[in-house]
Amino acid sequence: MDLYLGMKKGELTKCCIMIILGSIICSVAINLFIIPSNLLSGGVSGIALIIKYLSGISVGLTVFVLNIPLFILSVLKINKKFTILTFLGLVSLSLGLIFTTPLNSVLAPVAESNKLLYCIYGGVLNGLGLGIVFTNYGSTGGLDIISMYMKKKIRYKSRLYFLCS
């Protein structure tokens, strides 16, 4: 039995596929519901959305660039398994945000009149995607990396971070 990152090959393959799927679901949530209604999400994605609203720069590109220093922290201070699976999640999310950008205009004409529904749908879909990523030992970068670092460094409960976020 070959082990990769402490997992059997089949388990690692399943985790990678699920992380990609979860990241794509997050991308669809952001591009289909969050952006057309000019809403924000939390963390690095929220900062990327603010930059997009102010300058028009691609959310996917901004998410990737903003995550570079955080990813370096992960490489230096957090375990290899988390770092590699986070890289997969980060790249999947960034590419997903870039390739699903045309979804911005699908529901845009009715976005202003349905902001509350868009907020709910976007939040549920984004939460579903993130849940899939997290349950498969990955993350989409951003504040998740800081949370894992703090958990490792000071033995603080990462669930508390997500509650506050």
N, C-alpha and C. Protein backbone atom coordinates (compact mmCIF):
# COMPACT_ATOMS: atom_id res chain seq x y z
N MET A 1 0.85 -1.18 0.00
CA MET A 1 0.00 0.00 0.00
C MET A 1 0.89 1.24 0.00
N ASP A 2 0.74 2.08 -1.00
CA ASP A 2 1.50 3.32 -1.09
C ASP A 2 0.75 4.42 -0.36
N LEU A 3 1.48 5.20 0.41
CA LEU A 3 0.88 6.33 1.11
C LEU A 3 1.39 7.63 0.52
N TYR A 4 0.48 8.53 0.25
CA TYR A 4 0.80 9.86 -0.24
C TYR A 4 0.21 10.85 0.74
N LEU A 5 1.06 11.68 1.33
CA LEU A 5 0.62 12.64 2.34
C LEU A 5 -0.12 11.95 3.49
N GLY A 6 0.28 10.73 3.80
CA GLY A 6 -0.34 9.98 4.89
C GLY A 6 -1.68 9.36 4.53
N MET A 7 -2.01 9.32 3.25
CA MET A 7 -3.29 8.75 2.80
C MET A 7 -3.02 7.72 1.72
N LYS A 8 -3.94 6.77 1.61
CA LYS A 8 -3.87 5.83 0.49
C LYS A 8 -4.13 6.60 -0.80
N LYS A 9 -3.62 6.07 -1.89
CA LYS A 9 -3.74 6.75 -3.19
C LYS A 9 -5.20 7.04 -3.54
N GLY A 10 -6.09 6.08 -3.33
CA GLY A 10 -7.51 6.27 -3.64
C GLY A 10 -8.14 7.35 -2.78
N GLU A 11 -7.76 7.38 -1.49
CA GLU A 11 -8.30 8.40 -0.59
C GLU A 11 -7.80 9.79 -1.00
N LEU A 12 -6.53 9.88 -1.37
CA LEU A 12 -5.98 11.16 -1.81
C LEU A 12 -6.67 11.64 -3.09
N THR A 13 -6.90 10.73 -4.02
CA THR A 13 -7.59 11.08 -5.27
C THR A 13 -8.99 11.60 -4.98
N LYS A 14 -9.71 10.92 -4.08
CA LYS A 14 -11.06 11.36 -3.70
C LYS A 14 -11.01 12.75 -3.08
N CYS A 15 -10.07 12.97 -2.17
CA CYS A 15 -9.95 14.28 -1.53
C CYS A 15 -9.67 15.38 -2.56
N CYS A 16 -8.78 15.11 -3.50
CA CYS A 16 -8.44 16.10 -4.52
C CYS A 16 -9.66 16.43 -5.39
N ILE A 17 -10.39 15.42 -5.80
CA ILE A 17 -11.59 15.65 -6.62
C ILE A 17 -12.62 16.45 -5.84
N MET A 18 -12.81 16.12 -4.58
CA MET A 18 -13.80 16.82 -3.76
C MET A 18 -13.38 18.27 -3.49
N ILE A 19 -12.09 18.50 -3.29
CA ILE A 19 -11.60 19.87 -3.08
C ILE A 19 -11.84 20.71 -4.34
N ILE A 20 -11.57 20.15 -5.49
CA ILE A 20 -11.82 20.86 -6.75
C ILE A 20 -13.32 21.14 -6.90
N LEU A 21 -14.16 20.15 -6.63
CA LEU A 21 -15.61 20.32 -6.72
C LEU A 21 -16.09 21.41 -5.76
N GLY A 22 -15.64 21.36 -4.51
CA GLY A 22 -16.04 22.36 -3.52
C GLY A 22 -15.61 23.76 -3.92
N SER A 23 -14.41 23.88 -4.47
CA SER A 23 -13.91 25.19 -4.91
C SER A 23 -14.73 25.73 -6.07
N ILE A 24 -15.12 24.86 -6.98
CA ILE A 24 -15.95 25.28 -8.11
C ILE A 24 -17.33 25.73 -7.62
N ILE A 25 -17.88 25.02 -6.64
CA ILE A 25 -19.17 25.43 -6.06
C ILE A 25 -19.05 26.83 -5.45
N CYS A 26 -17.96 27.09 -4.74
CA CYS A 26 -17.73 28.42 -4.17
C CYS A 26 -17.64 29.47 -5.27
N SER A 27 -16.95 29.15 -6.35
CA SER A 27 -16.80 30.07 -7.48
C SER A 27 -18.16 30.41 -8.09
N VAL A 28 -18.98 29.39 -8.27
CA VAL A 28 -20.31 29.61 -8.83
C VAL A 28 -21.14 30.48 -7.88
N ALA A 29 -21.06 30.23 -6.58
CA ALA A 29 -21.81 31.03 -5.61
C ALA A 29 -21.42 32.51 -5.70
N ILE A 30 -20.13 32.76 -5.79
CA ILE A 30 -19.65 34.14 -5.85
C ILE A 30 -20.07 34.80 -7.17
N ASN A 31 -19.86 34.11 -8.28
CA ASN A 31 -20.15 34.72 -9.58
C ASN A 31 -21.63 34.75 -9.94
N LEU A 32 -22.41 33.83 -9.42
CA LEU A 32 -23.83 33.78 -9.77
C LEU A 32 -24.70 34.63 -8.84
N PHE A 33 -24.33 34.69 -7.55
CA PHE A 33 -25.17 35.39 -6.58
C PHE A 33 -24.52 36.60 -5.92
N ILE A 34 -23.29 36.48 -5.48
CA ILE A 34 -22.66 37.54 -4.70
C ILE A 34 -22.34 38.77 -5.56
N ILE A 35 -21.63 38.57 -6.66
CA ILE A 35 -21.21 39.70 -7.51
C ILE A 35 -22.38 40.42 -8.18
N PRO A 36 -23.35 39.72 -8.78
CA PRO A 36 -24.45 40.45 -9.44
C PRO A 36 -25.24 41.35 -8.50
N SER A 37 -25.30 41.00 -7.22
CA SER A 37 -26.06 41.82 -6.28
C SER A 37 -25.15 42.76 -5.48
N ASN A 38 -23.88 42.84 -5.87
CA ASN A 38 -22.91 43.74 -5.21
C ASN A 38 -22.79 43.48 -3.71
N LEU A 39 -22.80 42.21 -3.33
CA LEU A 39 -22.62 41.83 -1.94
C LEU A 39 -21.15 41.50 -1.69
N LEU A 40 -20.80 41.23 -0.45
CA LEU A 40 -19.44 40.85 -0.09
C LEU A 40 -19.46 39.53 0.66
N SER A 41 -18.33 38.85 0.63
CA SER A 41 -18.13 37.69 1.49
C SER A 41 -17.04 38.06 2.48
N GLY A 42 -16.67 37.13 3.33
CA GLY A 42 -15.66 37.42 4.33
C GLY A 42 -14.26 37.08 3.86
N GLY A 43 -13.28 37.51 4.61
CA GLY A 43 -11.90 37.13 4.39
C GLY A 43 -11.28 37.69 3.13
N VAL A 44 -10.35 36.92 2.57
CA VAL A 44 -9.62 37.34 1.38
C VAL A 44 -10.56 37.49 0.19
N SER A 45 -11.55 36.63 0.08
CA SER A 45 -12.53 36.76 -1.02
C SER A 45 -13.27 38.09 -0.92
N GLY A 46 -13.60 38.50 0.28
CA GLY A 46 -14.27 39.79 0.48
C GLY A 46 -13.39 40.96 0.07
N ILE A 47 -12.10 40.88 0.42
CA ILE A 47 -11.16 41.93 0.00
C ILE A 47 -11.05 41.95 -1.52
N ALA A 48 -10.99 40.77 -2.13
CA ALA A 48 -10.92 40.69 -3.59
C ALA A 48 -12.18 41.27 -4.24
N LEU A 49 -13.33 41.06 -3.61
CA LEU A 49 -14.57 41.62 -4.15
C LEU A 49 -14.57 43.15 -4.05
N ILE A 50 -14.07 43.69 -2.95
CA ILE A 50 -13.97 45.15 -2.81
C ILE A 50 -13.08 45.71 -3.91
N ILE A 51 -11.93 45.07 -4.13
CA ILE A 51 -11.01 45.51 -5.19
C ILE A 51 -11.70 45.43 -6.55
N LYS A 52 -12.48 44.38 -6.78
CA LYS A 52 -13.20 44.25 -8.05
C LYS A 52 -14.22 45.38 -8.23
N TYR A 53 -14.98 45.67 -7.16
CA TYR A 53 -15.99 46.71 -7.26
C TYR A 53 -15.37 48.08 -7.49
N LEU A 54 -14.19 48.32 -6.93
CA LEU A 54 -13.53 49.63 -7.06
C LEU A 54 -12.74 49.78 -8.36
N SER A 55 -12.13 48.67 -8.82
CA SER A 55 -11.22 48.79 -9.97
C SER A 55 -11.58 47.92 -11.16
N GLY A 56 -12.42 46.92 -10.96
CA GLY A 56 -12.78 46.02 -12.06
C GLY A 56 -11.80 44.88 -12.28
N ILE A 57 -10.78 44.77 -11.42
CA ILE A 57 -9.80 43.69 -11.55
C ILE A 57 -10.46 42.36 -11.21
N SER A 58 -10.11 41.32 -11.94
CA SER A 58 -10.68 39.98 -11.77
C SER A 58 -10.58 39.48 -10.32
N VAL A 59 -11.68 38.97 -9.81
CA VAL A 59 -11.70 38.43 -8.45
C VAL A 59 -10.77 37.22 -8.34
N GLY A 60 -10.79 36.35 -9.35
CA GLY A 60 -9.94 35.16 -9.32
C GLY A 60 -8.47 35.49 -9.23
N LEU A 61 -8.05 36.46 -10.03
CA LEU A 61 -6.65 36.88 -10.01
C LEU A 61 -6.30 37.53 -8.67
N THR A 62 -7.18 38.38 -8.18
CA THR A 62 -6.93 39.06 -6.91
C THR A 62 -6.87 38.08 -5.75
N VAL A 63 -7.76 37.11 -5.73
CA VAL A 63 -7.73 36.08 -4.67
C VAL A 63 -6.39 35.36 -4.69
N PHE A 64 -5.93 35.00 -5.87
CA PHE A 64 -4.67 34.28 -5.98
C PHE A 64 -3.50 35.14 -5.48
N VAL A 65 -3.43 36.38 -5.93
CA VAL A 65 -2.32 37.27 -5.55
C VAL A 65 -2.34 37.55 -4.04
N LEU A 66 -3.51 37.83 -3.49
CA LEU A 66 -3.61 38.11 -2.05
C LEU A 66 -3.23 36.90 -1.20
N ASN A 67 -3.38 35.71 -1.75
CA ASN A 67 -3.06 34.50 -1.00
C ASN A 67 -1.59 34.10 -1.05
N ILE A 68 -0.81 34.73 -1.91
CA ILE A 68 0.61 34.34 -2.03
C ILE A 68 1.35 34.44 -0.69
N PRO A 69 1.29 35.57 0.04
CA PRO A 69 2.01 35.61 1.32
C PRO A 69 1.47 34.61 2.34
N LEU A 70 0.17 34.39 2.32
CA LEU A 70 -0.42 33.43 3.25
C LEU A 70 0.01 32.01 2.90
N PHE A 71 0.11 31.73 1.62
CA PHE A 71 0.56 30.41 1.19
C PHE A 71 2.02 30.18 1.59
N ILE A 72 2.83 31.22 1.49
CA ILE A 72 4.23 31.10 1.92
C ILE A 72 4.28 30.77 3.41
N LEU A 73 3.42 31.40 4.21
CA LEU A 73 3.32 31.06 5.64
C LEU A 73 2.98 29.59 5.81
N SER A 74 2.06 29.09 5.00
CA SER A 74 1.68 27.68 5.08
C SER A 74 2.84 26.76 4.74
N VAL A 75 3.60 27.11 3.71
CA VAL A 75 4.76 26.30 3.31
C VAL A 75 5.78 26.24 4.44
N LEU A 76 6.00 27.37 5.09
CA LEU A 76 7.04 27.45 6.11
C LEU A 76 6.62 26.91 7.47
N LYS A 77 5.35 27.05 7.83
CA LYS A 77 4.95 26.80 9.22
C LYS A 77 3.88 25.72 9.43
N ILE A 78 3.21 25.28 8.37
CA ILE A 78 2.12 24.31 8.55
C ILE A 78 2.50 23.04 7.81
N ASN A 79 1.85 21.95 8.14
CA ASN A 79 2.25 20.64 7.58
C ASN A 79 2.05 20.54 6.07
N LYS A 80 2.78 19.60 5.50
CA LYS A 80 2.83 19.39 4.04
C LYS A 80 1.46 19.02 3.47
N LYS A 81 0.73 18.16 4.16
CA LYS A 81 -0.58 17.71 3.66
C LYS A 81 -1.53 18.90 3.51
N PHE A 82 -1.65 19.71 4.55
CA PHE A 82 -2.53 20.87 4.50
C PHE A 82 -2.08 21.84 3.41
N THR A 83 -0.78 22.07 3.30
CA THR A 83 -0.25 23.02 2.33
C THR A 83 -0.54 22.59 0.90
N ILE A 84 -0.31 21.33 0.59
CA ILE A 84 -0.54 20.84 -0.78
C ILE A 84 -2.03 20.85 -1.12
N LEU A 85 -2.86 20.40 -0.19
CA LEU A 85 -4.30 20.39 -0.46
C LEU A 85 -4.87 21.81 -0.51
N THR A 86 -4.29 22.72 0.27
CA THR A 86 -4.70 24.12 0.20
C THR A 86 -4.30 24.74 -1.13
N PHE A 87 -3.12 24.40 -1.62
CA PHE A 87 -2.70 24.90 -2.93
C PHE A 87 -3.70 24.45 -4.01
N LEU A 88 -4.11 23.20 -3.94
CA LEU A 88 -5.10 22.70 -4.89
C LEU A 88 -6.41 23.48 -4.77
N GLY A 89 -6.87 23.71 -3.54
CA GLY A 89 -8.10 24.47 -3.32
C GLY A 89 -7.98 25.91 -3.79
N LEU A 90 -6.85 26.52 -3.52
CA LEU A 90 -6.62 27.91 -3.91
C LEU A 90 -6.59 28.06 -5.43
N VAL A 91 -5.86 27.20 -6.10
CA VAL A 91 -5.79 27.26 -7.56
C VAL A 91 -7.16 26.96 -8.17
N SER A 92 -7.86 25.97 -7.62
CA SER A 92 -9.19 25.63 -8.13
C SER A 92 -10.16 26.79 -7.95
N LEU A 93 -10.12 27.43 -6.79
CA LEU A 93 -11.01 28.57 -6.54
C LEU A 93 -10.67 29.72 -7.49
N SER A 94 -9.39 30.04 -7.62
CA SER A 94 -8.99 31.15 -8.48
C SER A 94 -9.38 30.90 -9.94
N LEU A 95 -9.06 29.71 -10.44
CA LEU A 95 -9.43 29.38 -11.82
C LEU A 95 -10.94 29.31 -11.98
N GLY A 96 -11.62 28.75 -10.98
CA GLY A 96 -13.08 28.69 -11.03
C GLY A 96 -13.69 30.07 -11.09
N LEU A 97 -13.15 31.00 -10.30
CA LEU A 97 -13.66 32.38 -10.34
C LEU A 97 -13.43 33.02 -11.70
N ILE A 98 -12.30 32.72 -12.31
CA ILE A 98 -12.01 33.28 -13.64
C ILE A 98 -12.92 32.67 -14.70
N PHE A 99 -13.06 31.34 -14.69
CA PHE A 99 -13.83 30.67 -15.74
C PHE A 99 -15.34 30.78 -15.57
N THR A 100 -15.82 31.05 -14.36
CA THR A 100 -17.27 31.21 -14.17
C THR A 100 -17.69 32.68 -14.17
N THR A 101 -16.79 33.58 -14.53
CA THR A 101 -17.11 35.01 -14.60
C THR A 101 -18.33 35.30 -15.48
N PRO A 102 -18.54 34.61 -16.60
CA PRO A 102 -19.74 34.90 -17.40
C PRO A 102 -21.05 34.72 -16.63
N LEU A 103 -21.04 33.99 -15.53
CA LEU A 103 -22.26 33.83 -14.73
C LEU A 103 -22.69 35.15 -14.09
N ASN A 104 -21.77 36.12 -14.00
CA ASN A 104 -22.10 37.42 -13.41
C ASN A 104 -23.32 38.04 -14.07
N SER A 105 -23.45 37.86 -15.37
CA SER A 105 -24.52 38.54 -16.10
C SER A 105 -25.80 37.72 -16.22
N VAL A 106 -25.77 36.47 -15.82
CA VAL A 106 -26.95 35.60 -15.98
C VAL A 106 -28.13 36.12 -15.18
N LEU A 107 -27.93 36.39 -13.91
CA LEU A 107 -29.03 36.84 -13.05
C LEU A 107 -28.93 38.33 -12.70
N ALA A 108 -27.97 39.03 -13.28
CA ALA A 108 -27.75 40.44 -12.95
C ALA A 108 -28.98 41.33 -13.12
N PRO A 109 -29.81 41.14 -14.15
CA PRO A 109 -30.96 42.04 -14.33
C PRO A 109 -31.94 42.04 -13.15
N VAL A 110 -32.03 40.96 -12.42
CA VAL A 110 -32.98 40.91 -11.30
C VAL A 110 -32.28 40.93 -9.95
N ALA A 111 -30.98 41.15 -9.94
CA ALA A 111 -30.21 41.07 -8.71
C ALA A 111 -30.59 42.12 -7.68
N GLU A 112 -30.81 43.33 -8.11
CA GLU A 112 -31.11 44.42 -7.17
C GLU A 112 -32.41 44.20 -6.41
N SER A 113 -33.40 43.64 -7.07
CA SER A 113 -34.69 43.45 -6.41
C SER A 113 -34.74 42.21 -5.52
N ASN A 114 -33.74 41.36 -5.62
CA ASN A 114 -33.73 40.11 -4.85
C ASN A 114 -32.47 39.95 -4.00
N LYS A 115 -31.95 41.05 -3.46
CA LYS A 115 -30.68 40.99 -2.72
C LYS A 115 -30.72 40.01 -1.55
N LEU A 116 -31.80 39.99 -0.81
CA LEU A 116 -31.88 39.09 0.34
C LEU A 116 -31.81 37.64 -0.10
N LEU A 117 -32.56 37.29 -1.14
CA LEU A 117 -32.51 35.92 -1.66
C LEU A 117 -31.12 35.58 -2.19
N TYR A 118 -30.50 36.52 -2.90
CA TYR A 118 -29.16 36.28 -3.43
C TYR A 118 -28.17 36.07 -2.30
N CYS A 119 -28.34 36.84 -1.23
CA CYS A 119 -27.47 36.70 -0.06
C CYS A 119 -27.63 35.30 0.53
N ILE A 120 -28.85 34.84 0.66
CA ILE A 120 -29.11 33.51 1.22
C ILE A 120 -28.59 32.42 0.30
N TYR A 121 -28.94 32.49 -0.98
CA TYR A 121 -28.49 31.47 -1.93
C TYR A 121 -26.97 31.44 -2.04
N GLY A 122 -26.36 32.62 -2.15
CA GLY A 122 -24.91 32.70 -2.25
C GLY A 122 -24.23 32.17 -1.00
N GLY A 123 -24.77 32.51 0.17
CA GLY A 123 -24.19 32.02 1.42
C GLY A 123 -24.31 30.52 1.59
N VAL A 124 -25.47 29.98 1.25
CA VAL A 124 -25.67 28.53 1.37
C VAL A 124 -24.78 27.78 0.39
N LEU A 125 -24.74 28.23 -0.84
CA LEU A 125 -23.92 27.56 -1.85
C LEU A 125 -22.43 27.68 -1.53
N ASN A 126 -22.00 28.86 -1.09
CA ASN A 126 -20.61 29.05 -0.71
C ASN A 126 -20.27 28.18 0.51
N GLY A 127 -21.16 28.13 1.48
CA GLY A 127 -20.95 27.28 2.66
C GLY A 127 -20.87 25.81 2.30
N LEU A 128 -21.70 25.38 1.37
CA LEU A 128 -21.66 23.99 0.91
C LEU A 128 -20.29 23.69 0.29
N GLY A 129 -19.83 24.57 -0.58
CA GLY A 129 -18.53 24.38 -1.23
C GLY A 129 -17.40 24.33 -0.22
N LEU A 130 -17.40 25.29 0.71
CA LEU A 130 -16.35 25.31 1.73
C LEU A 130 -16.41 24.09 2.63
N GLY A 131 -17.61 23.65 2.96
CA GLY A 131 -17.76 22.44 3.77
C GLY A 131 -17.15 21.23 3.09
N ILE A 132 -17.37 21.10 1.80
CA ILE A 132 -16.79 19.99 1.03
C ILE A 132 -15.27 20.08 1.06
N VAL A 133 -14.74 21.28 0.87
CA VAL A 133 -13.28 21.46 0.89
C VAL A 133 -12.71 21.12 2.26
N PHE A 134 -13.30 21.65 3.32
CA PHE A 134 -12.78 21.44 4.67
C PHE A 134 -12.85 19.99 5.11
N THR A 135 -13.92 19.29 4.75
CA THR A 135 -14.04 17.89 5.18
C THR A 135 -13.10 16.97 4.42
N ASN A 136 -12.43 17.51 3.43
CA ASN A 136 -11.45 16.72 2.67
C ASN A 136 -10.03 17.23 2.91
N TYR A 137 -9.81 17.81 4.10
CA TYR A 137 -8.48 18.20 4.59
C TYR A 137 -7.86 19.37 3.84
N GLY A 138 -8.63 20.14 3.10
CA GLY A 138 -8.08 21.26 2.36
C GLY A 138 -8.66 22.58 2.83
N SER A 139 -8.32 23.62 2.11
CA SER A 139 -8.91 24.94 2.32
C SER A 139 -8.79 25.70 1.01
N THR A 140 -9.39 26.86 0.96
CA THR A 140 -9.28 27.69 -0.24
C THR A 140 -8.31 28.84 0.00
N GLY A 141 -7.48 28.70 1.01
CA GLY A 141 -6.49 29.72 1.32
C GLY A 141 -7.07 30.77 2.24
N GLY A 142 -6.49 31.94 2.20
CA GLY A 142 -6.99 33.06 2.98
C GLY A 142 -6.85 32.88 4.48
N LEU A 143 -7.87 33.29 5.19
CA LEU A 143 -7.82 33.26 6.65
C LEU A 143 -7.81 31.84 7.21
N ASP A 144 -8.15 30.86 6.39
CA ASP A 144 -8.06 29.46 6.83
C ASP A 144 -6.61 29.10 7.14
N ILE A 145 -5.69 29.65 6.38
CA ILE A 145 -4.26 29.39 6.62
C ILE A 145 -3.85 30.00 7.95
N ILE A 146 -4.29 31.22 8.22
CA ILE A 146 -3.97 31.87 9.49
C ILE A 146 -4.57 31.08 10.64
N SER A 147 -5.79 30.61 10.47
CA SER A 147 -6.44 29.81 11.50
C SER A 147 -5.65 28.53 11.80
N MET A 148 -5.21 27.85 10.76
CA MET A 148 -4.42 26.62 10.97
C MET A 148 -3.09 26.93 11.63
N TYR A 149 -2.47 28.03 11.25
CA TYR A 149 -1.20 28.42 11.87
C TYR A 149 -1.42 28.71 13.36
N MET A 150 -2.47 29.45 13.68
CA MET A 150 -2.75 29.76 15.08
C MET A 150 -3.07 28.50 15.86
N LYS A 151 -3.80 27.59 15.25
CA LYS A 151 -4.13 26.33 15.90
C LYS A 151 -2.86 25.56 16.24
N LYS A 152 -1.92 25.55 15.31
CA LYS A 152 -0.66 24.85 15.52
C LYS A 152 0.23 25.58 16.53
N LYS A 153 0.28 26.89 16.42
CA LYS A 153 1.20 27.69 17.22
C LYS A 153 0.75 27.81 18.67
N ILE A 154 -0.51 28.12 18.90
CA ILE A 154 -0.94 28.38 20.28
C ILE A 154 -2.06 27.44 20.73
N ARG A 155 -2.26 26.37 19.99
CA ARG A 155 -3.25 25.36 20.37
C ARG A 155 -4.64 25.95 20.58
N TYR A 156 -4.96 26.91 19.75
CA TYR A 156 -6.28 27.52 19.87
C TYR A 156 -7.27 26.77 19.00
N LYS A 157 -8.50 26.79 19.38
CA LYS A 157 -9.53 26.04 18.67
C LYS A 157 -9.93 26.74 17.38
N SER A 158 -9.70 26.07 16.24
CA SER A 158 -10.01 26.69 14.95
C SER A 158 -11.51 26.89 14.76
N ARG A 159 -12.33 26.12 15.44
CA ARG A 159 -13.78 26.30 15.32
C ARG A 159 -14.19 27.67 15.86
N LEU A 160 -13.47 28.14 16.88
CA LEU A 160 -13.75 29.45 17.42
C LEU A 160 -13.50 30.53 16.37
N TYR A 161 -12.46 30.35 15.56
CA TYR A 161 -12.16 31.30 14.49
C TYR A 161 -13.33 31.38 13.51
N PHE A 162 -13.84 30.24 13.08
CA PHE A 162 -14.92 30.23 12.10
C PHE A 162 -16.19 30.83 12.68
N LEU A 163 -16.40 30.67 13.98
CA LEU A 163 -17.55 31.28 14.63
C LEU A 163 -17.44 32.80 14.57
N CYS A 164 -16.24 33.32 14.79
CA CYS A 164 -16.01 34.77 14.79
C CYS A 164 -15.96 35.34 13.39
N SER A 165 -15.59 34.53 12.41
CA SER A 165 -15.46 35.01 11.04
C SER A 165 -16.82 35.23 10.46
